[in-house]
N, C-alpha and C. Protein backbone atom coordinates (compact mmCIF):
# COMPACT_ATOMS: atom_id res chain seq x y z
N MET A 1 0.50 -1.56 -0.04
CA MET A 1 0.26 -0.19 -0.04
C MET A 1 1.01 1.40 -0.04
N VAL A 2 0.30 2.74 -0.68
CA VAL A 2 1.11 3.74 -0.68
C VAL A 2 1.01 4.25 0.66
N GLY A 3 2.12 4.74 1.22
CA GLY A 3 1.65 6.06 1.98
C GLY A 3 1.60 7.00 1.71
N ASN A 4 1.43 8.47 2.81
CA ASN A 4 0.61 9.47 2.15
C ASN A 4 1.57 10.02 1.84
N ALA A 5 3.45 10.13 1.80
CA ALA A 5 4.22 10.74 1.26
C ALA A 5 4.24 10.16 -0.16
N GLY A 6 3.84 8.73 -0.40
CA GLY A 6 4.12 7.95 -1.81
C GLY A 6 2.54 8.89 -2.65
N LEU A 7 1.48 8.95 -1.82
CA LEU A 7 0.68 9.27 -2.60
C LEU A 7 0.47 10.95 -3.30
N ARG A 8 1.51 11.66 -2.25
CA ARG A 8 1.89 13.29 -2.95
C ARG A 8 2.71 12.86 -4.02
N VAL A 9 3.85 12.16 -3.87
CA VAL A 9 4.60 12.06 -4.99
C VAL A 9 3.86 11.76 -6.44
N LEU A 10 2.78 10.70 -5.84
CA LEU A 10 1.98 10.39 -7.30
C LEU A 10 0.81 11.47 -7.75
N VAL A 11 0.53 12.65 -7.11
CA VAL A 11 -0.49 13.47 -7.19
C VAL A 11 0.50 14.52 -8.19
N ILE A 12 1.63 14.70 -7.69
CA ILE A 12 2.76 15.73 -8.27
C ILE A 12 3.26 15.25 -9.53
N MET A 13 3.72 13.63 -10.06
CA MET A 13 3.61 12.83 -10.90
C MET A 13 2.73 13.96 -11.72
N LEU A 14 1.21 13.01 -11.22
CA LEU A 14 0.20 13.14 -12.72
C LEU A 14 0.04 14.43 -13.03
N TRP A 15 -0.10 15.40 -12.25
CA TRP A 15 -0.01 17.19 -12.31
C TRP A 15 0.68 17.48 -13.20
N CYS A 16 2.61 16.68 -13.04
CA CYS A 16 3.06 17.14 -14.07
C CYS A 16 2.97 16.66 -15.38
N ALA A 17 2.53 15.62 -15.34
CA ALA A 17 2.02 14.95 -16.94
C ALA A 17 1.04 15.44 -17.31
N ALA A 18 0.04 16.36 -16.66
CA ALA A 18 -1.24 16.67 -17.30
C ALA A 18 -1.22 17.80 -18.11
N MET A 19 0.51 18.47 -17.67
CA MET A 19 0.46 20.24 -17.83
C MET A 19 1.27 19.97 -19.45
N PRO A 20 0.78 20.99 -20.36
CA PRO A 20 1.55 20.70 -21.30
C PRO A 20 3.09 21.28 -21.03
N ILE A 21 3.63 20.44 -22.64
CA ILE A 21 5.29 20.69 -22.23
C ILE A 21 5.73 22.12 -22.62
N SER A 22 4.78 22.90 -23.27
CA SER A 22 5.06 24.14 -24.04
C SER A 22 3.92 24.77 -24.22
N LEU A 23 4.06 26.10 -23.22
CA LEU A 23 2.89 26.88 -23.31
C LEU A 23 2.82 27.90 -24.37
N GLY A 24 3.85 27.38 -25.16
CA GLY A 24 4.37 28.89 -26.35
C GLY A 24 4.96 29.81 -25.78
N ILE A 25 4.71 30.91 -26.77
CA ILE A 25 5.62 32.43 -26.42
C ILE A 25 4.92 33.18 -27.56
N ASP A 26 4.57 34.54 -27.07
CA ASP A 26 3.95 35.37 -27.11
C ASP A 26 5.00 36.49 -27.62
N TYR A 27 5.08 36.88 -28.90
CA TYR A 27 6.10 37.60 -29.93
C TYR A 27 5.08 38.50 -29.64
N THR A 28 6.19 40.27 -29.39
CA THR A 28 5.09 41.11 -29.53
C THR A 28 6.04 41.66 -31.13
N VAL A 29 5.19 41.49 -31.88
CA VAL A 29 5.60 42.05 -33.11
C VAL A 29 6.30 43.84 -32.97
N GLY A 30 7.37 43.81 -33.65
CA GLY A 30 8.35 44.96 -33.63
C GLY A 30 8.87 45.33 -32.73
N ASP A 31 8.37 44.59 -31.42
CA ASP A 31 8.88 44.74 -29.77
C ASP A 31 8.56 46.20 -29.43
N THR A 32 9.67 47.22 -29.06
CA THR A 32 8.75 48.43 -28.34
C THR A 32 8.12 49.41 -29.53
N ASN A 33 8.74 49.17 -30.99
CA ASN A 33 7.90 49.88 -31.85
C ASN A 33 6.90 49.58 -32.34
N GLY A 34 5.97 48.38 -32.35
CA GLY A 34 5.03 47.88 -32.43
C GLY A 34 4.15 47.77 -34.01
N TRP A 35 3.45 47.71 -34.22
CA TRP A 35 2.86 47.27 -35.27
C TRP A 35 2.86 48.90 -36.28
N ALA A 36 3.75 49.28 -36.78
CA ALA A 36 3.60 50.87 -37.43
C ALA A 36 4.63 50.95 -38.65
N THR A 37 4.61 52.15 -39.63
CA THR A 37 4.90 52.66 -40.75
C THR A 37 6.74 52.17 -40.57
N ASN A 38 7.50 52.20 -41.77
CA ASN A 38 9.09 52.96 -41.31
C ASN A 38 9.74 51.77 -40.40
N TYR A 39 9.24 50.28 -40.18
CA TYR A 39 10.03 49.54 -39.71
C TYR A 39 10.40 48.06 -40.30
N ASP A 40 11.54 47.80 -40.43
CA ASP A 40 11.93 46.92 -41.01
C ASP A 40 11.88 45.52 -40.29
N TYR A 41 10.38 45.01 -40.41
CA TYR A 41 10.16 43.01 -39.94
C TYR A 41 10.56 42.14 -40.18
N SER A 42 11.27 42.36 -41.17
CA SER A 42 12.10 41.10 -41.59
C SER A 42 13.58 41.21 -40.92
N THR A 43 13.95 41.84 -40.16
CA THR A 43 15.03 42.14 -39.67
C THR A 43 14.53 41.46 -38.40
N TRP A 44 13.30 42.16 -37.16
CA TRP A 44 12.83 41.84 -36.24
C TRP A 44 12.69 40.29 -36.10
N THR A 45 12.20 39.91 -37.43
CA THR A 45 11.93 38.00 -37.34
C THR A 45 13.77 37.21 -37.25
N SER A 46 14.26 37.60 -37.86
CA SER A 46 15.64 37.83 -37.88
C SER A 46 16.10 37.19 -36.91
N GLY A 47 16.51 35.25 -36.36
CA GLY A 47 16.86 35.10 -35.43
C GLY A 47 15.84 34.52 -34.18
N LYS A 48 14.48 34.86 -35.28
CA LYS A 48 13.37 34.01 -33.71
C LYS A 48 12.84 32.99 -34.33
N THR A 49 12.54 31.74 -33.88
CA THR A 49 11.66 30.80 -34.19
C THR A 49 10.73 30.54 -33.58
N PHE A 50 10.16 30.89 -34.64
CA PHE A 50 8.12 30.67 -34.50
C PHE A 50 8.07 28.96 -34.65
N ALA A 51 6.99 28.58 -33.51
CA ALA A 51 6.42 27.20 -33.30
C ALA A 51 4.95 27.53 -33.08
N VAL A 52 4.34 25.99 -33.25
CA VAL A 52 2.53 25.96 -33.15
C VAL A 52 2.47 26.16 -32.05
N GLY A 53 1.45 26.94 -31.52
CA GLY A 53 1.83 27.25 -29.70
C GLY A 53 1.89 28.49 -29.57
N ASP A 54 2.92 29.64 -30.45
CA ASP A 54 3.16 30.67 -30.13
C ASP A 54 2.06 31.57 -30.66
N SER A 55 2.12 32.81 -29.92
CA SER A 55 1.42 33.84 -30.51
C SER A 55 2.16 35.47 -31.23
N LEU A 56 1.94 35.85 -31.86
CA LEU A 56 1.88 37.02 -32.45
C LEU A 56 1.35 38.29 -31.69
N VAL A 57 1.46 39.29 -30.75
CA VAL A 57 0.75 40.34 -30.21
C VAL A 57 1.23 41.55 -31.16
N PHE A 58 0.04 42.08 -31.97
CA PHE A 58 0.39 43.34 -32.84
C PHE A 58 -0.12 44.39 -31.98
N ASN A 59 0.85 45.39 -31.44
CA ASN A 59 0.12 46.53 -30.62
C ASN A 59 0.30 47.75 -31.72
N PHE A 60 -1.39 48.01 -31.50
CA PHE A 60 -1.24 49.58 -32.59
C PHE A 60 -2.52 50.35 -31.73
N ALA A 61 -2.62 51.40 -31.83
CA ALA A 61 -3.75 51.97 -31.10
C ALA A 61 -5.12 52.09 -31.84
N GLY A 62 -4.72 52.67 -33.24
CA GLY A 62 -5.55 52.94 -34.53
C GLY A 62 -4.72 53.21 -35.89
N GLY A 63 -5.99 53.28 -36.63
CA GLY A 63 -5.17 53.96 -37.83
C GLY A 63 -4.56 53.09 -38.71
N HIS A 64 -4.75 51.70 -38.18
CA HIS A 64 -4.09 50.46 -38.40
C HIS A 64 -4.96 49.28 -39.00
N THR A 65 -4.32 48.32 -39.83
CA THR A 65 -5.30 46.95 -39.23
C THR A 65 -4.56 45.73 -39.56
N VAL A 66 -4.10 45.02 -39.07
CA VAL A 66 -3.62 43.45 -39.09
C VAL A 66 -4.33 42.66 -40.25
N ASP A 67 -4.03 42.05 -41.35
CA ASP A 67 -4.73 40.97 -42.34
C ASP A 67 -4.08 40.20 -42.71
N GLU A 68 -4.30 38.60 -42.51
CA GLU A 68 -3.70 37.84 -43.36
C GLU A 68 -3.98 37.98 -44.17
N VAL A 69 -2.92 37.34 -44.85
CA VAL A 69 -2.96 37.38 -46.77
C VAL A 69 -2.23 36.04 -47.31
N SER A 70 -2.61 36.45 -48.69
CA SER A 70 -1.91 35.33 -49.32
C SER A 70 0.07 35.72 -49.35
N GLU A 71 0.48 35.00 -49.97
CA GLU A 71 2.01 35.13 -50.14
C GLU A 71 2.07 36.17 -51.48
N SER A 72 0.85 35.72 -52.39
CA SER A 72 0.69 36.94 -53.56
C SER A 72 0.49 37.86 -53.03
N ASP A 73 -0.25 38.14 -52.34
CA ASP A 73 -1.00 39.88 -52.04
C ASP A 73 0.37 40.60 -50.77
N TYR A 74 1.09 39.31 -49.89
CA TYR A 74 2.34 39.81 -49.43
C TYR A 74 3.10 40.74 -50.25
N SER A 75 3.65 39.77 -51.24
CA SER A 75 4.41 40.24 -52.56
C SER A 75 4.00 41.80 -52.78
N THR A 76 2.56 41.35 -53.15
CA THR A 76 2.62 42.73 -54.33
C THR A 76 1.52 44.18 -52.90
N CYS A 77 1.39 43.89 -51.75
CA CYS A 77 1.10 44.63 -50.86
C CYS A 77 -0.46 44.51 -51.44
N THR A 78 -1.25 44.09 -52.10
CA THR A 78 -2.47 43.81 -52.75
C THR A 78 -3.34 43.59 -51.11
N VAL A 79 -4.26 44.61 -51.58
CA VAL A 79 -5.33 44.99 -49.91
C VAL A 79 -6.30 44.73 -50.46
N GLY A 80 -7.71 44.28 -49.90
CA GLY A 80 -8.75 44.27 -50.05
C GLY A 80 -9.45 42.12 -50.56
N ASN A 81 -8.16 41.84 -50.39
CA ASN A 81 -8.65 40.10 -50.76
C ASN A 81 -8.04 39.32 -48.67
N ALA A 82 -8.04 40.18 -47.92
CA ALA A 82 -7.68 39.41 -46.65
C ALA A 82 -8.36 38.45 -46.17
N ILE A 83 -7.52 37.16 -45.87
CA ILE A 83 -8.40 35.96 -45.52
C ILE A 83 -8.66 36.44 -43.54
N ALA A 84 -8.33 36.87 -43.04
CA ALA A 84 -8.63 37.43 -42.16
C ALA A 84 -7.87 38.98 -41.65
N SER A 85 -8.99 39.95 -40.43
CA SER A 85 -8.45 41.33 -40.36
C SER A 85 -9.17 41.55 -39.18
N THR A 86 -8.22 42.52 -38.73
CA THR A 86 -8.83 43.31 -37.33
C THR A 86 -8.17 44.67 -37.56
N SER A 87 -8.66 45.38 -37.16
CA SER A 87 -8.49 46.95 -36.74
C SER A 87 -8.55 47.21 -35.62
N ALA A 88 -8.86 46.63 -34.85
CA ALA A 88 -8.75 46.76 -33.51
C ALA A 88 -7.71 46.07 -32.76
N GLY A 89 -6.74 47.34 -32.25
CA GLY A 89 -5.24 46.58 -31.55
C GLY A 89 -5.27 46.51 -30.12
N PRO A 90 -4.39 46.14 -28.94
CA PRO A 90 -3.75 45.35 -29.46
C PRO A 90 -4.23 43.96 -30.33
N ALA A 91 -3.91 43.23 -30.90
CA ALA A 91 -4.49 41.90 -31.89
C ALA A 91 -3.59 40.91 -31.56
N SER A 92 -3.83 39.43 -31.41
CA SER A 92 -2.99 38.75 -30.64
C SER A 92 -3.68 37.56 -32.23
N VAL A 93 -2.28 36.78 -32.31
CA VAL A 93 -2.70 35.78 -33.49
C VAL A 93 -2.13 34.62 -32.91
N ALA A 94 -2.57 33.55 -33.34
CA ALA A 94 -2.16 32.22 -32.33
C ALA A 94 -2.20 31.53 -33.85
N LEU A 95 -0.58 31.31 -33.70
CA LEU A 95 -0.10 30.18 -34.66
C LEU A 95 -0.48 28.78 -34.37
N LYS A 96 -1.16 28.76 -35.05
CA LYS A 96 -1.63 27.01 -34.95
C LYS A 96 -1.61 26.04 -36.12
N THR A 97 -0.89 26.49 -37.24
CA THR A 97 -0.55 25.25 -38.46
C THR A 97 0.90 26.08 -38.63
N PRO A 98 1.49 24.96 -38.77
CA PRO A 98 3.13 24.85 -39.49
C PRO A 98 3.07 25.81 -40.64
N GLY A 99 4.13 26.22 -41.25
CA GLY A 99 4.44 26.95 -42.59
C GLY A 99 4.55 28.16 -42.52
N LYS A 100 4.28 28.97 -43.86
CA LYS A 100 4.71 30.59 -43.74
C LYS A 100 3.01 30.88 -43.75
N HIS A 101 2.89 32.15 -42.81
CA HIS A 101 2.32 33.16 -42.57
C HIS A 101 2.64 34.52 -43.11
N TYR A 102 1.27 35.47 -43.82
CA TYR A 102 1.84 36.72 -44.43
C TYR A 102 0.82 37.68 -43.62
N PHE A 103 1.32 38.30 -42.97
CA PHE A 103 0.30 39.63 -42.36
C PHE A 103 1.03 41.25 -43.04
N ILE A 104 -0.21 42.00 -43.07
CA ILE A 104 0.27 43.44 -43.46
C ILE A 104 -0.85 43.97 -43.06
N CYS A 105 -0.63 45.52 -42.91
CA CYS A 105 -1.63 46.33 -42.89
C CYS A 105 -2.45 46.73 -43.96
N GLY A 106 -3.51 46.95 -43.59
CA GLY A 106 -4.26 47.02 -45.08
C GLY A 106 -4.76 48.61 -45.26
N VAL A 107 -4.29 49.38 -44.32
CA VAL A 107 -4.35 51.12 -44.56
C VAL A 107 -3.68 51.19 -46.06
N ILE A 108 -4.05 51.83 -47.20
CA ILE A 108 -3.77 51.96 -48.57
C ILE A 108 -1.83 53.18 -48.33
N GLY A 109 -1.21 52.12 -48.53
CA GLY A 109 0.42 52.99 -48.40
C GLY A 109 1.38 52.44 -47.42
N HIS A 110 0.11 51.78 -46.22
CA HIS A 110 1.14 51.35 -45.01
C HIS A 110 1.84 49.81 -45.54
N CYS A 111 1.56 49.25 -46.09
CA CYS A 111 2.04 48.16 -46.35
C CYS A 111 3.53 48.31 -47.12
N GLY A 112 3.61 48.91 -48.04
CA GLY A 112 4.37 49.23 -48.67
C GLY A 112 5.76 50.57 -47.91
N SER A 113 5.32 50.88 -47.05
CA SER A 113 6.03 51.57 -46.08
C SER A 113 6.25 50.78 -44.97
N GLY A 114 6.11 49.32 -45.35
CA GLY A 114 7.18 48.71 -44.35
C GLY A 114 5.96 47.72 -43.31
N MET A 115 4.81 47.82 -43.51
CA MET A 115 4.04 47.42 -42.28
C MET A 115 3.61 45.95 -42.91
N LYS A 116 4.52 45.07 -43.03
CA LYS A 116 4.12 43.61 -43.99
C LYS A 116 5.09 42.48 -43.00
N LEU A 117 4.58 41.58 -42.33
CA LEU A 117 5.33 40.73 -41.57
C LEU A 117 4.78 39.47 -42.22
N ALA A 118 5.75 38.30 -42.39
CA ALA A 118 6.22 37.04 -42.71
C ALA A 118 6.47 36.10 -41.54
N VAL A 119 6.03 34.90 -41.32
CA VAL A 119 6.99 34.15 -40.56
C VAL A 119 6.62 32.78 -40.94
N THR A 120 7.96 32.30 -40.66
CA THR A 120 7.17 30.74 -40.88
C THR A 120 7.71 29.89 -39.69
N VAL A 121 6.42 29.09 -39.44
CA VAL A 121 6.07 28.36 -38.36
C VAL A 121 6.30 26.96 -38.24
N SER A 122 7.27 26.30 -37.67
CA SER A 122 7.57 25.41 -37.56
C SER A 122 6.97 24.58 -36.51
N GLY A 123 7.00 22.98 -36.51
CA GLY A 123 6.14 21.94 -35.46
C GLY A 123 4.82 21.64 -36.40
N SER A 124 4.10 20.40 -35.67
CA SER A 124 2.98 19.72 -36.49
C SER A 124 1.83 20.63 -36.18
N ALA A 125 0.87 20.32 -36.67
CA ALA A 125 -0.68 21.17 -36.66
C ALA A 125 -0.96 20.08 -35.76
N PRO A 126 -1.78 20.63 -34.51
CA PRO A 126 -2.50 20.14 -33.62
C PRO A 126 -3.82 19.09 -33.91
N ALA A 127 -3.69 18.50 -33.43
CA ALA A 127 -5.15 17.17 -33.38
C ALA A 127 -6.12 18.48 -33.77
N PRO A 128 -7.22 18.01 -34.99
CA PRO A 128 -8.30 18.95 -34.83
C PRO A 128 -9.32 18.60 -33.86
N THR A 129 -9.95 19.38 -33.41
CA THR A 129 -11.11 19.70 -32.48
C THR A 129 -12.36 20.13 -32.75
N GLY A 130 -13.45 19.36 -32.25
CA GLY A 130 -14.93 19.97 -32.51
C GLY A 130 -14.92 19.88 -34.03
N THR A 131 -16.04 20.42 -34.37
CA THR A 131 -16.83 20.43 -35.96
C THR A 131 -15.99 21.07 -36.92
N THR A 132 -16.07 20.55 -37.96
CA THR A 132 -15.10 21.48 -38.80
C THR A 132 -16.24 22.06 -40.36
N THR A 133 -15.82 23.23 -40.69
CA THR A 133 -16.09 23.75 -41.75
C THR A 133 -16.17 23.53 -42.98
N PRO A 134 -16.65 23.64 -43.83
CA PRO A 134 -16.30 23.19 -45.24
C PRO A 134 -15.32 24.52 -45.69
N SER A 135 -14.34 24.42 -46.34
CA SER A 135 -13.48 24.86 -47.39
C SER A 135 -14.54 26.35 -48.10
N GLY A 136 -14.35 27.95 -47.65
CA GLY A 136 -14.88 28.84 -48.29
C GLY A 136 -15.59 29.05 -47.33
N THR A 137 -15.99 28.55 -46.57
CA THR A 137 -17.59 28.61 -45.68
C THR A 137 -17.02 29.17 -43.86
N SER A 138 -17.91 29.98 -43.77
CA SER A 138 -17.37 29.93 -41.70
C SER A 138 -18.84 29.85 -40.87
N SER A 139 -18.53 29.42 -39.87
CA SER A 139 -19.13 29.55 -39.10
C SER A 139 -19.18 30.90 -38.04
N GLY A 140 -18.24 31.17 -38.42
CA GLY A 140 -18.62 32.92 -37.93
C GLY A 140 -16.93 32.83 -36.59
N GLY A 141 -16.79 34.51 -36.27
CA GLY A 141 -15.82 34.49 -35.04
C GLY A 141 -14.30 33.75 -35.57
N ALA A 142 -13.46 33.95 -34.06
CA ALA A 142 -12.47 33.86 -34.37
C ALA A 142 -11.86 32.30 -34.59
N ALA A 143 -12.74 31.42 -33.76
CA ALA A 143 -12.47 30.03 -33.61
C ALA A 143 -12.73 29.63 -34.86
N ALA A 144 -13.55 30.24 -35.97
CA ALA A 144 -13.50 29.40 -37.31
C ALA A 144 -12.93 30.06 -38.22
N GLY A 145 -11.37 30.86 -37.91
CA GLY A 145 -10.59 30.90 -38.67
C GLY A 145 -10.44 32.76 -39.02
N GLY A 146 -11.92 33.62 -38.24
CA GLY A 146 -12.15 34.73 -38.51
C GLY A 146 -11.15 35.50 -37.83
N VAL A 147 -10.92 37.20 -37.77
CA VAL A 147 -10.31 37.72 -37.05
C VAL A 147 -11.81 37.88 -35.91
N GLY A 148 -10.89 38.28 -34.52
CA GLY A 148 -12.06 38.97 -33.81
C GLY A 148 -10.75 40.01 -32.98
N SER A 149 -11.51 41.10 -32.05
CA SER A 149 -11.24 41.79 -31.50
C SER A 149 -11.89 42.21 -30.67
N GLY A 150 -11.40 43.00 -29.33
CA GLY A 150 -11.78 43.12 -28.06
C GLY A 150 -13.56 43.45 -28.12
N ASP A 151 -13.45 44.32 -29.54
CA ASP A 151 -15.41 44.88 -29.58
C ASP A 151 -15.98 43.83 -29.57
N GLY A 152 -15.93 42.70 -29.97
CA GLY A 152 -16.79 41.91 -29.91
C GLY A 152 -17.04 41.79 -31.77
N THR A 153 -16.15 42.15 -32.91
CA THR A 153 -16.60 42.21 -33.90
C THR A 153 -15.85 41.17 -34.48
N THR A 154 -16.29 40.44 -35.69
CA THR A 154 -15.52 39.36 -36.42
C THR A 154 -15.61 39.40 -37.79
N THR A 155 -14.78 39.25 -38.69
CA THR A 155 -14.62 39.67 -40.17
C THR A 155 -14.00 38.24 -40.58
N THR A 156 -14.69 37.67 -41.48
CA THR A 156 -14.32 36.86 -42.17
C THR A 156 -14.41 36.54 -43.60
N THR A 157 -14.06 36.30 -44.40
CA THR A 157 -13.67 36.48 -46.09
C THR A 157 -13.20 34.89 -46.42
N PRO A 158 -13.77 34.49 -47.61
CA PRO A 158 -13.36 33.41 -48.05
C PRO A 158 -11.78 32.92 -48.40
N ALA A 159 -11.65 31.88 -47.95
CA ALA A 159 -10.05 31.87 -48.23
C ALA A 159 -9.27 32.04 -49.62
N THR A 160 -8.04 32.20 -49.93
CA THR A 160 -7.44 32.07 -51.34
C THR A 160 -6.59 31.01 -51.24
N THR A 161 -5.44 31.48 -50.85
CA THR A 161 -4.58 30.35 -50.87
C THR A 161 -4.13 29.64 -49.59
N ILE A 162 -4.49 30.18 -48.62
CA ILE A 162 -4.37 29.61 -47.03
C ILE A 162 -6.12 29.31 -46.33
N PRO A 163 -5.56 28.08 -45.85
CA PRO A 163 -7.33 27.55 -45.35
C PRO A 163 -7.44 29.04 -43.93
N LYS A 164 -8.70 28.51 -43.61
CA LYS A 164 -9.35 29.63 -42.88
C LYS A 164 -8.65 29.34 -41.44
N THR A 165 -8.30 28.43 -41.17
CA THR A 165 -7.88 27.51 -39.77
C THR A 165 -6.58 28.27 -39.51
N THR A 166 -5.93 28.82 -40.39
CA THR A 166 -4.27 29.12 -40.40
C THR A 166 -3.56 29.56 -38.85
N THR A 167 -4.40 30.91 -39.01
CA THR A 167 -4.96 31.61 -37.71
C THR A 167 -5.85 32.16 -37.04
N THR A 168 -5.94 32.60 -36.00
CA THR A 168 -6.52 33.01 -35.07
C THR A 168 -6.51 33.99 -34.19
N ILE A 169 -7.15 35.32 -34.65
CA ILE A 169 -6.56 36.70 -34.45
C ILE A 169 -7.53 36.87 -32.85
N TYR A 170 -7.75 36.91 -31.98
CA TYR A 170 -7.83 37.63 -30.84
C TYR A 170 -7.42 37.81 -29.79
N SER A 171 -8.00 38.30 -28.40
CA SER A 171 -7.76 39.54 -27.45
C SER A 171 -7.28 38.79 -26.52
N SER A 172 -7.39 37.88 -26.27
CA SER A 172 -7.11 36.80 -24.75
C SER A 172 -5.70 36.76 -24.86
N SER A 173 -5.48 36.57 -23.40
CA SER A 173 -4.47 36.69 -23.69
C SER A 173 -3.28 35.06 -23.44
N SER A 174 -4.17 33.90 -23.73
CA SER A 174 -3.18 32.67 -23.57
C SER A 174 -4.42 31.70 -24.41
N ALA A 175 -4.09 30.52 -25.38
CA ALA A 175 -4.86 30.03 -25.97
C ALA A 175 -4.43 28.84 -25.14
N ILE A 176 -3.84 28.47 -24.76
CA ILE A 176 -3.19 27.34 -23.29
C ILE A 176 -4.17 27.31 -22.20
N TRP A 177 -4.97 28.57 -21.89
CA TRP A 177 -5.85 28.55 -20.29
C TRP A 177 -6.74 27.20 -20.34
N PRO A 178 -7.47 26.70 -21.29
CA PRO A 178 -8.27 25.64 -21.37
C PRO A 178 -7.10 24.40 -20.27
N SER A 179 -6.45 24.29 -21.22
CA SER A 179 -5.25 23.36 -20.86
C SER A 179 -4.97 23.14 -19.42
N ALA A 180 -4.19 24.57 -18.91
CA ALA A 180 -4.28 24.77 -17.80
C ALA A 180 -4.95 24.40 -16.73
N LEU A 181 -6.74 24.69 -17.31
CA LEU A 181 -7.32 24.75 -16.47
C LEU A 181 -8.08 23.25 -16.08
N THR A 182 -7.72 22.77 -17.27
CA THR A 182 -8.06 21.17 -16.83
C THR A 182 -6.82 20.47 -16.30
N ALA A 183 -5.77 20.59 -16.48
CA ALA A 183 -4.80 20.43 -15.48
C ALA A 183 -5.23 20.39 -13.59
N GLY A 184 -5.56 21.46 -13.82
CA GLY A 184 -5.45 22.64 -12.37
C GLY A 184 -6.92 21.52 -11.77
N VAL A 185 -7.92 21.35 -12.80
CA VAL A 185 -9.21 20.21 -12.11
C VAL A 185 -8.87 19.10 -11.89
N MET A 186 -8.50 18.65 -13.08
CA MET A 186 -7.54 17.24 -12.20
C MET A 186 -6.91 16.83 -11.18
N LEU A 187 -5.97 18.10 -10.47
CA LEU A 187 -5.59 17.63 -9.78
C LEU A 187 -6.19 18.05 -8.07
N LEU A 188 -6.98 18.69 -8.40
CA LEU A 188 -7.88 18.98 -7.37
C LEU A 188 -8.54 17.65 -7.08
N VAL A 189 -9.11 17.25 -8.00
CA VAL A 189 -9.75 15.50 -8.14
C VAL A 189 -9.29 14.92 -7.44
N VAL A 190 -8.07 14.46 -8.06
CA VAL A 190 -7.14 13.57 -7.45
C VAL A 190 -6.59 13.71 -5.91
N LEU A 191 -6.26 15.19 -5.55
CA LEU A 191 -6.23 15.59 -4.17
C LEU A 191 -7.43 15.21 -3.28
N LYS A 192 -8.47 15.47 -3.40
CA LYS A 192 -9.98 15.11 -3.22
C LYS A 192 -9.64 13.44 -2.70
N LEU A 193 -9.70 13.03 -3.90
CA LEU A 193 -9.61 11.55 -3.91
C LEU A 193 -8.48 11.11 -2.63
N VAL A 194 -7.24 11.78 -2.51
CA VAL A 194 -6.12 11.01 -1.62
C VAL A 194 -6.24 11.59 0.10
N VAL A 195 -7.24 12.67 0.13
CA VAL A 195 -7.34 13.65 1.23
C VAL A 195 -8.14 12.79 1.76
């Protein structure tokens, strides 16, 4: 039979096993410069390694947007074809899938003045959860691949070359919160059983 000390060790081991290995990193785009014109975001990404589960935080007060776009629209600074967009800052983008992700400011002239960001995300995609939405349609909201902001508005447009599930822009502080909450509840249940 396991003694009281052994049960405590078991509880701690179960709790550690339930915790995610990595909570992801929140990258503040442009660091103290934020999301602004006349800044070299390719230099900012240099030396950074982005992975599935990380987030990009775009800090801006107004007069800008964060638009997720195709590689072609990124290269030519074409606005109006955004996969997802928000004009309410700060905006946080959860990097949910590996591959290239492209962002521009949709205000005319801003992308050409440097407000464009390309990141390469490493890692494997997480297992799908919930229901799926056919390509080109949306059930709405940030969870469907749309862009949400703190003001409750969401914009979705049909995907061009990147699936809608590529990123989710939202204003909450962490996409890992449900996992941490689940681990905490599991710990409480085990403690209740032990005591």
